[in-house]
Amino acid sequence: MILSPIYLCCAVFCATGCSRSNNLLMGHVKATVGTHSVFVTDCYRTSVPPPEKTTDAKGEITYRFTPCRDAAVAIHADQLVVNGRPYGRMNPTDSVLVDHGVVSLNKPD
């Protein structure tokens, strides 16, 4: 049985576009940024750059995660900034959801 080129393309597309941290079909991207879980929706990319970690002259760590053109997440000194807008202090176990531009912090009980 010979597979149709359409089926073959779909199989390759699904295999390369979906992983545990990147679901191209659903538009979901997830990464661990420092000690925080960051989940971004409406992000349709075949590959997502990993979070970046930098240290300034004072020794303070900044994490940056930009999985999509319209979702830039930065965490500096436990302060969350998404797309240039500050969202306040985060606890070490807080998670972040950027859902179609709306930012939510999940603070565990």
PDB file of N, CA and C in Angstrom:
ATOM      1  N   MET A   1       0.838  -1.177   0.000  1.00  0.00           N
ATOM      2  CA  MET A   1       0.000   0.000   0.000  1.00  0.00           C
ATOM      3  C   MET A   1       0.885   1.243   0.000  1.00  0.00           C
ATOM      4  N   ILE A   2       0.643   2.126  -0.916  1.00  0.00           N
ATOM      5  CA  ILE A   2       1.425   3.355  -1.030  1.00  0.00           C
ATOM      6  C   ILE A   2       0.644   4.479  -0.352  1.00  0.00           C
ATOM      7  N   LEU A   3       1.360   5.231   0.504  1.00  0.00           N
ATOM      8  CA  LEU A   3       0.721   6.345   1.200  1.00  0.00           C
ATOM      9  C   LEU A   3       0.621   7.552   0.280  1.00  0.00           C
ATOM     10  N   SER A   4      -0.461   8.215   0.391  1.00  0.00           N
ATOM     11  CA  SER A   4      -0.662   9.431  -0.372  1.00  0.00           C
ATOM     12  C   SER A   4       0.312  10.507   0.129  1.00  0.00           C
ATOM     13  N   PRO A   5       0.820  11.376  -0.754  1.00  0.00           N
ATOM     14  CA  PRO A   5       1.726  12.448  -0.319  1.00  0.00           C
ATOM     15  C   PRO A   5       1.093  13.363   0.736  1.00  0.00           C
ATOM     16  N   ILE A   6      -0.205  13.518   0.684  1.00  0.00           N
ATOM     17  CA  ILE A   6      -0.880  14.369   1.667  1.00  0.00           C
ATOM     18  C   ILE A   6      -0.772  13.758   3.059  1.00  0.00           C
ATOM     19  N   TYR A   7      -1.012  12.456   3.167  1.00  0.00           N
ATOM     20  CA  TYR A   7      -0.900  11.793   4.462  1.00  0.00           C
ATOM     21  C   TYR A   7       0.531  11.833   4.980  1.00  0.00           C
ATOM     22  N   LEU A   8       1.478  11.648   4.095  1.00  0.00           N
ATOM     23  CA  LEU A   8       2.875  11.677   4.479  1.00  0.00           C
ATOM     24  C   LEU A   8       3.266  13.061   4.998  1.00  0.00           C
ATOM     25  N   CYS A   9       2.836  14.106   4.312  1.00  0.00           N
ATOM     26  CA  CYS A   9       3.125  15.475   4.755  1.00  0.00           C
ATOM     27  C   CYS A   9       2.497  15.751   6.114  1.00  0.00           C
ATOM     28  N   CYS A  10       1.271  15.312   6.307  1.00  0.00           N
ATOM     29  CA  CYS A  10       0.591  15.515   7.593  1.00  0.00           C
ATOM     30  C   CYS A  10       1.337  14.803   8.725  1.00  0.00           C
ATOM     31  N   ALA A  11       1.799  13.593   8.461  1.00  0.00           N
ATOM     32  CA  ALA A  11       2.524  12.839   9.483  1.00  0.00           C
ATOM     33  C   ALA A  11       3.825  13.536   9.851  1.00  0.00           C
ATOM     34  N   VAL A  12       4.568  14.016   8.864  1.00  0.00           N
ATOM     35  CA  VAL A  12       5.821  14.730   9.139  1.00  0.00           C
ATOM     36  C   VAL A  12       5.541  16.026   9.865  1.00  0.00           C
ATOM     37  N   PHE A  13       4.516  16.759   9.442  1.00  0.00           N
ATOM     38  CA  PHE A  13       4.153  18.028  10.066  1.00  0.00           C
ATOM     39  C   PHE A  13       3.803  17.825  11.531  1.00  0.00           C
ATOM     40  N   CYS A  14       3.011  16.831  11.846  1.00  0.00           N
ATOM     41  CA  CYS A  14       2.603  16.564  13.224  1.00  0.00           C
ATOM     42  C   CYS A  14       3.787  16.088  14.067  1.00  0.00           C
ATOM     43  N   ALA A  15       4.645  15.294  13.501  1.00  0.00           N
ATOM     44  CA  ALA A  15       5.788  14.771  14.254  1.00  0.00           C
ATOM     45  C   ALA A  15       6.790  15.865  14.591  1.00  0.00           C
ATOM     46  N   THR A  16       6.997  16.822  13.687  1.00  0.00           N
ATOM     47  CA  THR A  16       7.978  17.873  13.943  1.00  0.00           C
ATOM     48  C   THR A  16       7.374  19.069  14.647  1.00  0.00           C
ATOM     49  N   GLY A  17       6.089  19.273  14.571  1.00  0.00           N
ATOM     50  CA  GLY A  17       5.478  20.458  15.138  1.00  0.00           C
ATOM     51  C   GLY A  17       4.932  20.286  16.532  1.00  0.00           C
ATOM     52  N   CYS A  18       4.874  19.064  17.040  1.00  0.00           N
ATOM     53  CA  CYS A  18       4.288  18.837  18.348  1.00  0.00           C
ATOM     54  C   CYS A  18       5.293  18.131  19.248  1.00  0.00           C
ATOM     55  N   SER A  19       5.353  18.588  20.454  1.00  0.00           N
ATOM     56  CA  SER A  19       6.161  17.940  21.471  1.00  0.00           C
ATOM     57  C   SER A  19       5.507  18.220  22.807  1.00  0.00           C
ATOM     58  N   ARG A  20       6.132  17.769  23.857  1.00  0.00           N
ATOM     59  CA  ARG A  20       5.567  17.995  25.194  1.00  0.00           C
ATOM     60  C   ARG A  20       5.465  19.485  25.503  1.00  0.00           C
ATOM     61  N   SER A  21       6.397  20.287  24.995  1.00  0.00           N
ATOM     62  CA  SER A  21       6.404  21.707  25.313  1.00  0.00           C
ATOM     63  C   SER A  21       5.844  22.574  24.195  1.00  0.00           C
ATOM     64  N   ASN A  22       5.565  21.988  23.032  1.00  0.00           N
ATOM     65  CA  ASN A  22       5.101  22.779  21.906  1.00  0.00           C
ATOM     66  C   ASN A  22       4.053  21.981  21.145  1.00  0.00           C
ATOM     67  N   ASN A  23       2.793  22.395  21.227  1.00  0.00           N
ATOM     68  CA  ASN A  23       1.718  21.736  20.508  1.00  0.00           C
ATOM     69  C   ASN A  23       1.235  22.675  19.417  1.00  0.00           C
ATOM     70  N   LEU A  24       1.804  22.520  18.231  1.00  0.00           N
ATOM     71  CA  LEU A  24       1.495  23.400  17.115  1.00  0.00           C
ATOM     72  C   LEU A  24       0.023  23.358  16.737  1.00  0.00           C
ATOM     73  N   LEU A  25      -0.577  22.196  16.789  1.00  0.00           N
ATOM     74  CA  LEU A  25      -1.978  22.072  16.389  1.00  0.00           C
ATOM     75  C   LEU A  25      -2.909  22.842  17.322  1.00  0.00           C
ATOM     76  N   MET A  26      -2.598  22.842  18.612  1.00  0.00           N
ATOM     77  CA  MET A  26      -3.430  23.551  19.594  1.00  0.00           C
ATOM     78  C   MET A  26      -2.930  24.971  19.845  1.00  0.00           C
ATOM     79  N   GLY A  27      -1.725  25.285  19.403  1.00  0.00           N
ATOM     80  CA  GLY A  27      -1.180  26.624  19.607  1.00  0.00           C
ATOM     81  C   GLY A  27      -0.707  26.862  21.023  1.00  0.00           C
ATOM     82  N   HIS A  28      -0.307  25.798  21.737  1.00  0.00           N
ATOM     83  CA  HIS A  28       0.128  25.910  23.130  1.00  0.00           C
ATOM     84  C   HIS A  28       1.629  25.710  23.237  1.00  0.00           C
ATOM     85  N   VAL A  29       2.266  26.541  24.039  1.00  0.00           N
ATOM     86  CA  VAL A  29       3.692  26.431  24.300  1.00  0.00           C
ATOM     87  C   VAL A  29       3.890  26.475  25.805  1.00  0.00           C
ATOM     88  N   LYS A  30       4.735  25.565  26.305  1.00  0.00           N
ATOM     89  CA  LYS A  30       4.994  25.518  27.742  1.00  0.00           C
ATOM     90  C   LYS A  30       6.490  25.385  27.965  1.00  0.00           C
ATOM     91  N   ALA A  31       7.002  26.117  28.978  1.00  0.00           N
ATOM     92  CA  ALA A  31       8.426  26.026  29.309  1.00  0.00           C
ATOM     93  C   ALA A  31       8.606  26.321  30.785  1.00  0.00           C
ATOM     94  N   THR A  32       9.700  25.828  31.322  1.00  0.00           N
ATOM     95  CA  THR A  32      10.084  26.176  32.687  1.00  0.00           C
ATOM     96  C   THR A  32      11.060  27.333  32.580  1.00  0.00           C
ATOM     97  N   VAL A  33      10.692  28.439  33.216  1.00  0.00           N
ATOM     98  CA  VAL A  33      11.493  29.660  33.176  1.00  0.00           C
ATOM     99  C   VAL A  33      11.934  29.936  34.610  1.00  0.00           C
ATOM    100  N   GLY A  34      13.179  29.643  34.899  1.00  0.00           N
ATOM    101  CA  GLY A  34      13.639  29.708  36.287  1.00  0.00           C
ATOM    102  C   GLY A  34      12.934  28.619  37.069  1.00  0.00           C
ATOM    103  N   THR A  35      12.204  29.001  38.110  1.00  0.00           N
ATOM    104  CA  THR A  35      11.412  28.039  38.892  1.00  0.00           C
ATOM    105  C   THR A  35       9.939  28.094  38.537  1.00  0.00           C
ATOM    106  N   HIS A  36       9.603  28.810  37.482  1.00  0.00           N
ATOM    107  CA  HIS A  36       8.212  29.048  37.113  1.00  0.00           C
ATOM    108  C   HIS A  36       7.833  28.288  35.848  1.00  0.00           C
ATOM    109  N   SER A  37       6.611  27.805  35.826  1.00  0.00           N
ATOM    110  CA  SER A  37       6.051  27.193  34.632  1.00  0.00           C
ATOM    111  C   SER A  37       5.339  28.296  33.853  1.00  0.00           C
ATOM    112  N   VAL A  38       5.688  28.464  32.590  1.00  0.00           N
ATOM    113  CA  VAL A  38       5.078  29.494  31.744  1.00  0.00           C
ATOM    114  C   VAL A  38       4.351  28.789  30.599  1.00  0.00           C
ATOM    115  N   PHE A  39       3.069  29.110  30.442  1.00  0.00           N
ATOM    116  CA  PHE A  39       2.206  28.508  29.435  1.00  0.00           C
ATOM    117  C   PHE A  39       1.663  29.624  28.556  1.00  0.00           C
ATOM    118  N   VAL A  40       1.866  29.525  27.244  1.00  0.00           N
ATOM    119  CA  VAL A  40       1.416  30.551  26.301  1.00  0.00           C
ATOM    120  C   VAL A  40       0.487  29.913  25.287  1.00  0.00           C
ATOM    121  N   THR A  41      -0.667  30.527  25.074  1.00  0.00           N
ATOM    122  CA  THR A  41      -1.602  30.052  24.062  1.00  0.00           C
ATOM    123  C   THR A  41      -1.518  30.946  22.832  1.00  0.00           C
ATOM    124  N   ASP A  42      -2.174  30.532  21.777  1.00  0.00           N
ATOM    125  CA  ASP A  42      -2.224  31.278  20.523  1.00  0.00           C
ATOM    126  C   ASP A  42      -0.824  31.512  19.970  1.00  0.00           C
ATOM    127  N   CYS A  43      -0.019  30.451  20.014  1.00  0.00           N
ATOM    128  CA  CYS A  43       1.369  30.524  19.567  1.00  0.00           C
ATOM    129  C   CYS A  43       1.607  29.374  18.597  1.00  0.00           C
ATOM    130  N   TYR A  44       1.549  29.652  17.331  1.00  0.00           N
ATOM    131  CA  TYR A  44       1.663  28.621  16.307  1.00  0.00           C
ATOM    132  C   TYR A  44       3.035  28.705  15.637  1.00  0.00           C
ATOM    133  N   ARG A  45       4.023  28.017  16.234  1.00  0.00           N
ATOM    134  CA  ARG A  45       5.374  27.978  15.683  1.00  0.00           C
ATOM    135  C   ARG A  45       5.851  26.539  15.637  1.00  0.00           C
ATOM    136  N   THR A  46       6.637  26.223  14.647  1.00  0.00           N
ATOM    137  CA  THR A  46       7.150  24.867  14.553  1.00  0.00           C
ATOM    138  C   THR A  46       8.312  24.634  15.502  1.00  0.00           C
ATOM    139  N   SER A  47       9.017  25.686  15.879  1.00  0.00           N
ATOM    140  CA  SER A  47      10.070  25.563  16.885  1.00  0.00           C
ATOM    141  C   SER A  47      10.039  26.784  17.780  1.00  0.00           C
ATOM    142  N   VAL A  48      10.325  26.550  19.039  1.00  0.00           N
ATOM    143  CA  VAL A  48      10.258  27.620  20.039  1.00  0.00           C
ATOM    144  C   VAL A  48      11.640  27.778  20.657  1.00  0.00           C
ATOM    145  N   PRO A  49      12.169  29.014  20.695  1.00  0.00           N
ATOM    146  CA  PRO A  49      13.476  29.200  21.327  1.00  0.00           C
ATOM    147  C   PRO A  49      13.368  28.958  22.836  1.00  0.00           C
ATOM    148  N   PRO A  50      14.395  28.387  23.436  1.00  0.00           N
ATOM    149  CA  PRO A  50      14.352  28.125  24.875  1.00  0.00           C
ATOM    150  C   PRO A  50      14.451  29.422  25.673  1.00  0.00           C
ATOM    151  N   PRO A  51      14.051  29.387  26.937  1.00  0.00           N
ATOM    152  CA  PRO A  51      14.220  30.568  27.797  1.00  0.00           C
ATOM    153  C   PRO A  51      15.707  30.918  27.919  1.00  0.00           C
ATOM    154  N   GLU A  52      15.966  32.209  28.050  1.00  0.00           N
ATOM    155  CA  GLU A  52      17.337  32.688  28.207  1.00  0.00           C
ATOM    156  C   GLU A  52      17.551  33.160  29.636  1.00  0.00           C
ATOM    157  N   LYS A  53      18.737  32.942  30.147  1.00  0.00           N
ATOM    158  CA  LYS A  53      19.096  33.363  31.504  1.00  0.00           C
ATOM    159  C   LYS A  53      20.319  34.265  31.411  1.00  0.00           C
ATOM    160  N   THR A  54      20.207  35.477  31.981  1.00  0.00           N
ATOM    161  CA  THR A  54      21.336  36.399  32.023  1.00  0.00           C
ATOM    162  C   THR A  54      21.529  36.889  33.452  1.00  0.00           C
ATOM    163  N   THR A  55      22.752  37.309  33.746  1.00  0.00           N
ATOM    164  CA  THR A  55      23.073  37.851  35.060  1.00  0.00           C
ATOM    165  C   THR A  55      23.665  39.233  34.868  1.00  0.00           C
ATOM    166  N   ASP A  56      23.161  40.227  35.637  1.00  0.00           N
ATOM    167  CA  ASP A  56      23.685  41.581  35.504  1.00  0.00           C
ATOM    168  C   ASP A  56      24.889  41.780  36.427  1.00  0.00           C
ATOM    169  N   ALA A  57      25.413  43.004  36.455  1.00  0.00           N
ATOM    170  CA  ALA A  57      26.605  43.315  37.248  1.00  0.00           C
ATOM    171  C   ALA A  57      26.379  43.129  38.751  1.00  0.00           C
ATOM    172  N   LYS A  58      25.143  43.256  39.197  1.00  0.00           N
ATOM    173  CA  LYS A  58      24.815  43.080  40.623  1.00  0.00           C
ATOM    174  C   LYS A  58      24.624  41.607  40.980  1.00  0.00           C
ATOM    175  N   GLY A  59      24.662  40.748  39.988  1.00  0.00           N
ATOM    176  CA  GLY A  59      24.449  39.323  40.215  1.00  0.00           C
ATOM    177  C   GLY A  59      22.990  38.906  40.185  1.00  0.00           C
ATOM    178  N   GLU A  60      22.105  39.825  39.796  1.00  0.00           N
ATOM    179  CA  GLU A  60      20.676  39.498  39.709  1.00  0.00           C
ATOM    180  C   GLU A  60      20.396  38.788  38.389  1.00  0.00           C
ATOM    181  N   ILE A  61      19.590  37.762  38.472  1.00  0.00           N
ATOM    182  CA  ILE A  61      19.281  36.936  37.307  1.00  0.00           C
ATOM    183  C   ILE A  61      18.011  37.433  36.625  1.00  0.00           C
ATOM    184  N   THR A  62      18.057  37.466  35.316  1.00  0.00           N
ATOM    185  CA  THR A  62      16.885  37.783  34.508  1.00  0.00           C
ATOM    186  C   THR A  62      16.639  36.623  33.558  1.00  0.00           C
ATOM    187  N   TYR A  63      15.386  36.181  33.507  1.00  0.00           N
ATOM    188  CA  TYR A  63      14.967  35.144  32.571  1.00  0.00           C
ATOM    189  C   TYR A  63      14.097  35.795  31.516  1.00  0.00           C
ATOM    190  N   ARG A  64      14.309  35.416  30.266  1.00  0.00           N
ATOM    191  CA  ARG A  64      13.490  35.905  29.163  1.00  0.00           C
ATOM    192  C   ARG A  64      13.010  34.709  28.342  1.00  0.00           C
ATOM    193  N   PHE A  65      11.722  34.750  28.020  1.00  0.00           N
ATOM    194  CA  PHE A  65      11.131  33.697  27.197  1.00  0.00           C
ATOM    195  C   PHE A  65      10.213  34.362  26.196  1.00  0.00           C
ATOM    196  N   THR A  66      10.556  34.236  24.929  1.00  0.00           N
ATOM    197  CA  THR A  66       9.764  34.846  23.856  1.00  0.00           C
ATOM    198  C   THR A  66       9.416  33.762  22.841  1.00  0.00           C
ATOM    199  N   PRO A  67       8.394  32.957  23.164  1.00  0.00           N
ATOM    200  CA  PRO A  67       8.043  31.871  22.253  1.00  0.00           C
ATOM    201  C   PRO A  67       7.346  32.353  20.990  1.00  0.00           C
ATOM    202  N   CYS A  68       6.706  33.519  21.070  1.00  0.00           N
ATOM    203  CA  CYS A  68       5.949  34.056  19.948  1.00  0.00           C
ATOM    204  C   CYS A  68       6.262  35.534  19.795  1.00  0.00           C
ATOM    205  N   ARG A  69       5.937  36.043  18.658  1.00  0.00           N
ATOM    206  CA  ARG A  69       6.179  37.454  18.375  1.00  0.00           C
ATOM    207  C   ARG A  69       5.438  38.362  19.354  1.00  0.00           C
ATOM    208  N   ASP A  70       4.259  37.954  19.797  1.00  0.00           N
ATOM    209  CA  ASP A  70       3.449  38.812  20.662  1.00  0.00           C
ATOM    210  C   ASP A  70       3.388  38.325  22.111  1.00  0.00           C
ATOM    211  N   ALA A  71       4.373  37.528  22.530  1.00  0.00           N
ATOM    212  CA  ALA A  71       4.412  37.057  23.920  1.00  0.00           C
ATOM    213  C   ALA A  71       5.862  37.066  24.404  1.00  0.00           C
ATOM    214  N   ALA A  72       6.263  38.164  25.042  1.00  0.00           N
ATOM    215  CA  ALA A  72       7.615  38.292  25.591  1.00  0.00           C
ATOM    216  C   ALA A  72       7.503  38.313  27.110  1.00  0.00           C
ATOM    217  N   VAL A  73       7.996  37.238  27.746  1.00  0.00           N
ATOM    218  CA  VAL A  73       7.907  37.086  29.196  1.00  0.00           C
ATOM    219  C   VAL A  73       9.299  37.311  29.775  1.00  0.00           C
ATOM    220  N   ALA A  74       9.383  38.173  30.790  1.00  0.00           N
ATOM    221  CA  ALA A  74      10.645  38.417  31.484  1.00  0.00           C
ATOM    222  C   ALA A  74      10.400  38.331  32.983  1.00  0.00           C
ATOM    223  N   ILE A  75      11.352  37.722  33.683  1.00  0.00           N
ATOM    224  CA  ILE A  75      11.293  37.641  35.142  1.00  0.00           C
ATOM    225  C   ILE A  75      12.640  38.129  35.652  1.00  0.00           C
ATOM    226  N   HIS A  76      12.616  39.250  36.394  1.00  0.00           N
ATOM    227  CA  HIS A  76      13.834  39.842  36.940  1.00  0.00           C
ATOM    228  C   HIS A  76      13.596  40.144  38.409  1.00  0.00           C
ATOM    229  N   ALA A  77      14.427  39.578  39.255  1.00  0.00           N
ATOM    230  CA  ALA A  77      14.314  39.785  40.710  1.00  0.00           C
ATOM    231  C   ALA A  77      12.890  39.472  41.175  1.00  0.00           C
ATOM    232  N   ASP A  78      12.336  38.367  40.699  1.00  0.00           N
ATOM    233  CA  ASP A  78      10.989  37.899  41.031  1.00  0.00           C
ATOM    234  C   ASP A  78       9.875  38.834  40.571  1.00  0.00           C
ATOM    235  N   GLN A  79      10.174  39.760  39.669  1.00  0.00           N
ATOM    236  CA  GLN A  79       9.162  40.646  39.096  1.00  0.00           C
ATOM    237  C   GLN A  79       8.818  40.156  37.693  1.00  0.00           C
ATOM    238  N   LEU A  80       7.515  39.989  37.436  1.00  0.00           N
ATOM    239  CA  LEU A  80       7.048  39.512  36.137  1.00  0.00           C
ATOM    240  C   LEU A  80       6.721  40.688  35.225  1.00  0.00           C
ATOM    241  N   VAL A  81       7.233  40.621  34.003  1.00  0.00           N
ATOM    242  CA  VAL A  81       6.925  41.608  32.970  1.00  0.00           C
ATOM    243  C   VAL A  81       6.558  40.831  31.706  1.00  0.00           C
ATOM    244  N   VAL A  82       5.385  41.139  31.141  1.00  0.00           N
ATOM    245  CA  VAL A  82       4.945  40.493  29.905  1.00  0.00           C
ATOM    246  C   VAL A  82       4.650  41.578  28.888  1.00  0.00           C
ATOM    247  N   ASN A  83       5.308  41.491  27.751  1.00  0.00           N
ATOM    248  CA  ASN A  83       5.155  42.478  26.671  1.00  0.00           C
ATOM    249  C   ASN A  83       5.386  43.904  27.161  1.00  0.00           C
ATOM    250  N   GLY A  84       6.371  44.069  28.054  1.00  0.00           N
ATOM    251  CA  GLY A  84       6.726  45.395  28.557  1.00  0.00           C
ATOM    252  C   GLY A  84       5.864  45.907  29.688  1.00  0.00           C
ATOM    253  N   ARG A  85       4.846  45.163  30.069  1.00  0.00           N
ATOM    254  CA  ARG A  85       3.935  45.602  31.136  1.00  0.00           C
ATOM    255  C   ARG A  85       4.229  44.821  32.426  1.00  0.00           C
ATOM    256  N   PRO A  86       4.466  45.535  33.548  1.00  0.00           N
ATOM    257  CA  PRO A  86       4.764  44.842  34.812  1.00  0.00           C
ATOM    258  C   PRO A  86       3.515  44.216  35.434  1.00  0.00           C
ATOM    259  N   TYR A  87       3.691  43.031  36.012  1.00  0.00           N
ATOM    260  CA  TYR A  87       2.588  42.325  36.661  1.00  0.00           C
ATOM    261  C   TYR A  87       2.867  42.019  38.125  1.00  0.00           C
ATOM    262  N   GLY A  88       3.927  42.552  38.669  1.00  0.00           N
ATOM    263  CA  GLY A  88       4.192  42.413  40.098  1.00  0.00           C
ATOM    264  C   GLY A  88       5.124  41.282  40.461  1.00  0.00           C
ATOM    265  N   ARG A  89       5.240  41.091  41.768  1.00  0.00           N
ATOM    266  CA  ARG A  89       6.158  40.110  42.335  1.00  0.00           C
ATOM    267  C   ARG A  89       5.586  38.697  42.232  1.00  0.00           C
ATOM    268  N   MET A  90       6.488  37.760  41.987  1.00  0.00           N
ATOM    269  CA  MET A  90       6.103  36.357  41.909  1.00  0.00           C
ATOM    270  C   MET A  90       6.762  35.580  43.045  1.00  0.00           C
ATOM    271  N   ASN A  91       6.068  34.583  43.542  1.00  0.00           N
ATOM    272  CA  ASN A  91       6.652  33.632  44.482  1.00  0.00           C
ATOM    273  C   ASN A  91       7.386  32.567  43.676  1.00  0.00           C
ATOM    274  N   PRO A  92       8.332  31.852  44.288  1.00  0.00           N
ATOM    275  CA  PRO A  92       9.135  30.885  43.535  1.00  0.00           C
ATOM    276  C   PRO A  92       8.345  29.782  42.825  1.00  0.00           C
ATOM    277  N   THR A  93       7.158  29.443  43.308  1.00  0.00           N
ATOM    278  CA  THR A  93       6.395  28.353  42.692  1.00  0.00           C
ATOM    279  C   THR A  93       5.213  28.833  41.846  1.00  0.00           C
ATOM    280  N   ASP A  94       5.085  30.132  41.643  1.00  0.00           N
ATOM    281  CA  ASP A  94       3.993  30.657  40.825  1.00  0.00           C
ATOM    282  C   ASP A  94       4.175  30.260  39.365  1.00  0.00           C
ATOM    283  N   SER A  95       3.056  30.044  38.685  1.00  0.00           N
ATOM    284  CA  SER A  95       3.090  29.778  37.255  1.00  0.00           C
ATOM    285  C   SER A  95       2.420  30.933  36.524  1.00  0.00           C
ATOM    286  N   VAL A  96       2.729  31.049  35.248  1.00  0.00           N
ATOM    287  CA  VAL A  96       2.231  32.156  34.428  1.00  0.00           C
ATOM    288  C   VAL A  96       1.467  31.581  33.247  1.00  0.00           C
ATOM    289  N   LEU A  97       0.322  32.181  32.956  1.00  0.00           N
ATOM    290  CA  LEU A  97      -0.459  31.848  31.774  1.00  0.00           C
ATOM    291  C   LEU A  97      -0.630  33.119  30.952  1.00  0.00           C
ATOM    292  N   VAL A  98      -0.219  33.072  29.693  1.00  0.00           N
ATOM    293  CA  VAL A  98      -0.468  34.167  28.752  1.00  0.00           C
ATOM    294  C   VAL A  98      -1.434  33.595  27.734  1.00  0.00           C
ATOM    295  N   ASP A  99      -2.704  33.940  27.897  1.00  0.00           N
ATOM    296  CA  ASP A  99      -3.778  33.364  27.096  1.00  0.00           C
ATOM    297  C   ASP A  99      -4.380  34.432  26.196  1.00  0.00           C
ATOM    298  N   HIS A 100      -3.981  34.422  24.940  1.00  0.00           N
ATOM    299  CA  HIS A 100      -4.449  35.406  23.962  1.00  0.00           C
ATOM    300  C   HIS A 100      -4.226  36.830  24.464  1.00  0.00           C
ATOM    301  N   GLY A 101      -3.056  37.071  25.072  1.00  0.00           N
ATOM    302  CA  GLY A 101      -2.696  38.403  25.540  1.00  0.00           C
ATOM    303  C   GLY A 101      -3.113  38.711  26.959  1.00  0.00           C
ATOM    304  N   VAL A 102      -3.925  37.871  27.591  1.00  0.00           N
ATOM    305  CA  VAL A 102      -4.353  38.079  28.977  1.00  0.00           C
ATOM    306  C   VAL A 102      -3.408  37.298  29.885  1.00  0.00           C
ATOM    307  N   VAL A 103      -2.835  37.967  30.877  1.00  0.00           N
ATOM    308  CA  VAL A 103      -1.842  37.363  31.755  1.00  0.00           C
ATOM    309  C   VAL A 103      -2.479  36.987  33.075  1.00  0.00           C
ATOM    310  N   SER A 104      -2.221  35.751  33.507  1.00  0.00           N
ATOM    311  CA  SER A 104      -2.730  35.267  34.800  1.00  0.00           C
ATOM    312  C   SER A 104      -1.577  34.638  35.570  1.00  0.00           C
ATOM    313  N   LEU A 105      -1.551  34.881  36.868  1.00  0.00           N
ATOM    314  CA  LEU A 105      -0.601  34.226  37.769  1.00  0.00           C
ATOM    315  C   LEU A 105      -1.350  33.190  38.574  1.00  0.00           C
ATOM    316  N   ASN A 106      -0.795  32.000  38.652  1.00  0.00           N
ATOM    317  CA  ASN A 106      -1.393  30.932  39.447  1.00  0.00           C
ATOM    318  C   ASN A 106      -0.561  30.794  40.702  1.00  0.00           C
ATOM    319  N   LYS A 107      -1.088  31.282  41.796  1.00  0.00           N
ATOM    320  CA  LYS A 107      -0.396  31.199  43.070  1.00  0.00           C
ATOM    321  C   LYS A 107      -0.912  29.981  43.810  1.00  0.00           C
ATOM    322  N   PRO A 108      -0.042  28.988  44.058  1.00  0.00           N
ATOM    323  CA  PRO A 108      -0.497  27.787  44.769  1.00  0.00           C
ATOM    324  C   PRO A 108      -0.951  28.116  46.181  1.00  0.00           C
ATOM    325  N   ASP A 109      -1.916  27.348  46.652  1.00  0.00           N
ATOM    326  CA  ASP A 109      -2.449  27.562  48.007  1.00  0.00           C
ATOM    327  C   ASP A 109      -1.494  27.059  49.053  1.00  0.00           C
TER     328      ASP A 109
END
